[in-house]
Structure formats: C-alpha cells, structure tokens
Amino acid sequence: MPTDFPKVADNAISHAMRLAKHTGAEVYLRFHVVANQDENGGDPA
C-alpha cells in the first residue's frame, strides 16, 4: 500500500502509538483517499 505521509505525520503516529502503549489506549487512523486527477484538475481519461 503506497503512502504519502510526510516525516511529521510519521512522527505523530509513532508518538501516538507509544503513548497508547503506556496508557492502554487505542489508536485509530483515518485515511482520506483522493482519486487521481490529470494535470488540468479533471478526471483522467
């Protein structure tokens, strides 16, 4: 599965996982999927 997470997001997820481990909490990730678009902003042909 390809990801496009910047380093800041990776660090935030790592921090959340460590915090959850120490507190017994759960971490939920929400993904927003965007369809590919051509260079003009329209749907690909």
PDB file of N, CA and C in Angstrom:
ATOM      1  N   MET A   1       0.851  -1.168   0.000  1.00  0.00           N
ATOM      2  CA  MET A   1       0.000   0.000   0.000  1.00  0.00           C
ATOM      3  C   MET A   1       0.896   1.231   0.000  1.00  0.00           C
ATOM      4  N   PRO A   2       0.841   2.034  -1.041  1.00  0.00           N
ATOM      5  CA  PRO A   2       1.653   3.245  -1.056  1.00  0.00           C
ATOM      6  C   PRO A   2       1.123   4.270  -0.068  1.00  0.00           C
ATOM      7  N   THR A   3       2.030   5.016   0.504  1.00  0.00           N
ATOM      8  CA  THR A   3       1.643   6.081   1.427  1.00  0.00           C
ATOM      9  C   THR A   3       2.299   7.379   1.001  1.00  0.00           C
ATOM     10  N   ASP A   4       1.705   8.463   1.395  1.00  0.00           N
ATOM     11  CA  ASP A   4       2.255   9.779   1.102  1.00  0.00           C
ATOM     12  C   ASP A   4       2.276  10.580   2.394  1.00  0.00           C
ATOM     13  N   PHE A   5       2.864   9.991   3.440  1.00  0.00           N
ATOM     14  CA  PHE A   5       2.913  10.658   4.733  1.00  0.00           C
ATOM     15  C   PHE A   5       4.234  11.388   4.877  1.00  0.00           C
ATOM     16  N   PRO A   6       4.203  12.661   5.199  1.00  0.00           N
ATOM     17  CA  PRO A   6       5.462  13.363   5.458  1.00  0.00           C
ATOM     18  C   PRO A   6       6.063  12.886   6.777  1.00  0.00           C
ATOM     19  N   LYS A   7       7.308  13.225   6.994  1.00  0.00           N
ATOM     20  CA  LYS A   7       8.010  12.788   8.206  1.00  0.00           C
ATOM     21  C   LYS A   7       7.291  13.246   9.472  1.00  0.00           C
ATOM     22  N   VAL A   8       6.688  14.431   9.452  1.00  0.00           N
ATOM     23  CA  VAL A   8       5.966  14.939  10.622  1.00  0.00           C
ATOM     24  C   VAL A   8       4.813  14.009  10.981  1.00  0.00           C
ATOM     25  N   ALA A   9       4.080  13.536   9.977  1.00  0.00           N
ATOM     26  CA  ALA A   9       2.963  12.625  10.231  1.00  0.00           C
ATOM     27  C   ALA A   9       3.472  11.289  10.769  1.00  0.00           C
ATOM     28  N   ASP A  10       4.569  10.795  10.217  1.00  0.00           N
ATOM     29  CA  ASP A  10       5.153   9.547  10.726  1.00  0.00           C
ATOM     30  C   ASP A  10       5.522   9.687  12.198  1.00  0.00           C
ATOM     31  N   ASN A  11       6.110  10.819  12.562  1.00  0.00           N
ATOM     32  CA  ASN A  11       6.483  11.049  13.958  1.00  0.00           C
ATOM     33  C   ASN A  11       5.252  11.127  14.853  1.00  0.00           C
ATOM     34  N   ALA A  12       4.191  11.769  14.373  1.00  0.00           N
ATOM     35  CA  ALA A  12       2.959  11.880  15.164  1.00  0.00           C
ATOM     36  C   ALA A  12       2.345  10.504  15.410  1.00  0.00           C
ATOM     37  N   ILE A  13       2.350   9.654  14.390  1.00  0.00           N
ATOM     38  CA  ILE A  13       1.808   8.303  14.544  1.00  0.00           C
ATOM     39  C   ILE A  13       2.656   7.506  15.534  1.00  0.00           C
ATOM     40  N   SER A  14       3.963   7.618  15.421  1.00  0.00           N
ATOM     41  CA  SER A  14       4.851   6.908  16.351  1.00  0.00           C
ATOM     42  C   SER A  14       4.617   7.361  17.784  1.00  0.00           C
ATOM     43  N   HIS A  15       4.475   8.656  17.981  1.00  0.00           N
ATOM     44  CA  HIS A  15       4.224   9.195  19.322  1.00  0.00           C
ATOM     45  C   HIS A  15       2.888   8.678  19.863  1.00  0.00           C
ATOM     46  N   ALA A  16       1.863   8.684  19.018  1.00  0.00           N
ATOM     47  CA  ALA A  16       0.546   8.195  19.439  1.00  0.00           C
ATOM     48  C   ALA A  16       0.614   6.729  19.840  1.00  0.00           C
ATOM     49  N   MET A  17       1.359   5.932  19.091  1.00  0.00           N
ATOM     50  CA  MET A  17       1.475   4.509  19.403  1.00  0.00           C
ATOM     51  C   MET A  17       2.201   4.292  20.734  1.00  0.00           C
ATOM     52  N   ARG A  18       3.270   5.048  20.973  1.00  0.00           N
ATOM     53  CA  ARG A  18       3.991   4.915  22.250  1.00  0.00           C
ATOM     54  C   ARG A  18       3.110   5.337  23.414  1.00  0.00           C
ATOM     55  N   LEU A  19       2.398   6.446  23.258  1.00  0.00           N
ATOM     56  CA  LEU A  19       1.521   6.937  24.319  1.00  0.00           C
ATOM     57  C   LEU A  19       0.408   5.928  24.607  1.00  0.00           C
ATOM     58  N   ALA A  20      -0.181   5.376  23.543  1.00  0.00           N
ATOM     59  CA  ALA A  20      -1.252   4.399  23.714  1.00  0.00           C
ATOM     60  C   ALA A  20      -0.748   3.149  24.434  1.00  0.00           C
ATOM     61  N   LYS A  21       0.458   2.727  24.109  1.00  0.00           N
ATOM     62  CA  LYS A  21       1.025   1.538  24.753  1.00  0.00           C
ATOM     63  C   LYS A  21       1.161   1.752  26.257  1.00  0.00           C
ATOM     64  N   HIS A  22       1.598   2.932  26.659  1.00  0.00           N
ATOM     65  CA  HIS A  22       1.812   3.218  28.078  1.00  0.00           C
ATOM     66  C   HIS A  22       0.520   3.487  28.834  1.00  0.00           C
ATOM     67  N   THR A  23      -0.524   3.908  28.154  1.00  0.00           N
ATOM     68  CA  THR A  23      -1.776   4.250  28.835  1.00  0.00           C
ATOM     69  C   THR A  23      -2.871   3.215  28.620  1.00  0.00           C
ATOM     70  N   GLY A  24      -2.616   2.216  27.767  1.00  0.00           N
ATOM     71  CA  GLY A  24      -3.629   1.211  27.483  1.00  0.00           C
ATOM     72  C   GLY A  24      -4.716   1.705  26.540  1.00  0.00           C
ATOM     73  N   ALA A  25      -4.447   2.790  25.842  1.00  0.00           N
ATOM     74  CA  ALA A  25      -5.431   3.361  24.918  1.00  0.00           C
ATOM     75  C   ALA A  25      -5.324   2.699  23.547  1.00  0.00           C
ATOM     76  N   GLU A  26      -6.256   3.040  22.676  1.00  0.00           N
ATOM     77  CA  GLU A  26      -6.242   2.557  21.299  1.00  0.00           C
ATOM     78  C   GLU A  26      -5.997   3.736  20.372  1.00  0.00           C
ATOM     79  N   VAL A  27      -5.377   3.453  19.239  1.00  0.00           N
ATOM     80  CA  VAL A  27      -5.118   4.481  18.230  1.00  0.00           C
ATOM     81  C   VAL A  27      -5.937   4.136  16.994  1.00  0.00           C
ATOM     82  N   TYR A  28      -6.669   5.105  16.503  1.00  0.00           N
ATOM     83  CA  TYR A  28      -7.451   4.945  15.285  1.00  0.00           C
ATOM     84  C   TYR A  28      -6.883   5.863  14.219  1.00  0.00           C
ATOM     85  N   LEU A  29      -6.633   5.315  13.042  1.00  0.00           N
ATOM     86  CA  LEU A  29      -6.143   6.116  11.925  1.00  0.00           C
ATOM     87  C   LEU A  29      -7.268   6.295  10.923  1.00  0.00           C
ATOM     88  N   ARG A  30      -7.386   7.496  10.421  1.00  0.00           N
ATOM     89  CA  ARG A  30      -8.405   7.798   9.427  1.00  0.00           C
ATOM     90  C   ARG A  30      -7.696   8.174   8.137  1.00  0.00           C
ATOM     91  N   PHE A  31      -8.088   7.548   7.065  1.00  0.00           N
ATOM     92  CA  PHE A  31      -7.465   7.801   5.771  1.00  0.00           C
ATOM     93  C   PHE A  31      -8.435   8.530   4.858  1.00  0.00           C
ATOM     94  N   HIS A  32      -7.915   9.476   4.128  1.00  0.00           N
ATOM     95  CA  HIS A  32      -8.698  10.199   3.134  1.00  0.00           C
ATOM     96  C   HIS A  32      -8.104   9.835   1.781  1.00  0.00           C
ATOM     97  N   VAL A  33      -8.886   9.168   0.952  1.00  0.00           N
ATOM     98  CA  VAL A  33      -8.413   8.718  -0.352  1.00  0.00           C
ATOM     99  C   VAL A  33      -8.917   9.681  -1.413  1.00  0.00           C
ATOM    100  N   VAL A  34      -7.995  10.159  -2.237  1.00  0.00           N
ATOM    101  CA  VAL A  34      -8.333  11.109  -3.292  1.00  0.00           C
ATOM    102  C   VAL A  34      -8.091  10.431  -4.631  1.00  0.00           C
ATOM    103  N   ALA A  35      -9.053  10.536  -5.522  1.00  0.00           N
ATOM    104  CA  ALA A  35      -8.910   9.949  -6.851  1.00  0.00           C
ATOM    105  C   ALA A  35      -7.836  10.697  -7.632  1.00  0.00           C
ATOM    106  N   ASN A  36      -7.152   9.986  -8.515  1.00  0.00           N
ATOM    107  CA  ASN A  36      -6.159  10.626  -9.378  1.00  0.00           C
ATOM    108  C   ASN A  36      -6.831  11.640 -10.282  1.00  0.00           C
ATOM    109  N   GLN A  37      -6.128  12.725 -10.543  1.00  0.00           N
ATOM    110  CA  GLN A  37      -6.620  13.741 -11.465  1.00  0.00           C
ATOM    111  C   GLN A  37      -5.539  14.040 -12.477  1.00  0.00           C
ATOM    112  N   ASP A  38      -5.955  14.493 -13.669  1.00  0.00           N
ATOM    113  CA  ASP A  38      -4.955  14.876 -14.655  1.00  0.00           C
ATOM    114  C   ASP A  38      -4.379  16.241 -14.293  1.00  0.00           C
ATOM    115  N   GLU A  39      -3.441  16.735 -15.081  1.00  0.00           N
ATOM    116  CA  GLU A  39      -2.769  17.996 -14.776  1.00  0.00           C
ATOM    117  C   GLU A  39      -3.715  19.190 -14.765  1.00  0.00           C
ATOM    118  N   ASN A  40      -4.848  19.099 -15.459  1.00  0.00           N
ATOM    119  CA  ASN A  40      -5.800  20.205 -15.526  1.00  0.00           C
ATOM    120  C   ASN A  40      -6.845  20.135 -14.421  1.00  0.00           C
ATOM    121  N   GLY A  41      -6.715  19.172 -13.521  1.00  0.00           N
ATOM    122  CA  GLY A  41      -7.647  19.059 -12.412  1.00  0.00           C
ATOM    123  C   GLY A  41      -8.882  18.237 -12.714  1.00  0.00           C
ATOM    124  N   GLY A  42      -8.964  17.673 -13.905  1.00  0.00           N
ATOM    125  CA  GLY A  42     -10.119  16.858 -14.266  1.00  0.00           C
ATOM    126  C   GLY A  42      -9.848  15.387 -14.060  1.00  0.00           C
ATOM    127  N   ASP A  43     -10.871  14.585 -14.246  1.00  0.00           N
ATOM    128  CA  ASP A  43     -10.708  13.144 -14.126  1.00  0.00           C
ATOM    129  C   ASP A  43      -9.856  12.632 -15.277  1.00  0.00           C
ATOM    130  N   PRO A  44      -9.029  11.619 -15.020  1.00  0.00           N
ATOM    131  CA  PRO A  44      -8.222  11.055 -16.106  1.00  0.00           C
ATOM    132  C   PRO A  44      -9.116  10.371 -17.128  1.00  0.00           C
ATOM    133  N   ALA A  45      -8.698  10.384 -18.368  1.00  0.00           N
ATOM    134  CA  ALA A  45      -9.491   9.781 -19.457  1.00  0.00           C
ATOM    135  C   ALA A  45      -9.349   8.284 -19.455  1.00  0.00           C
TER     136      ALA A  45
END
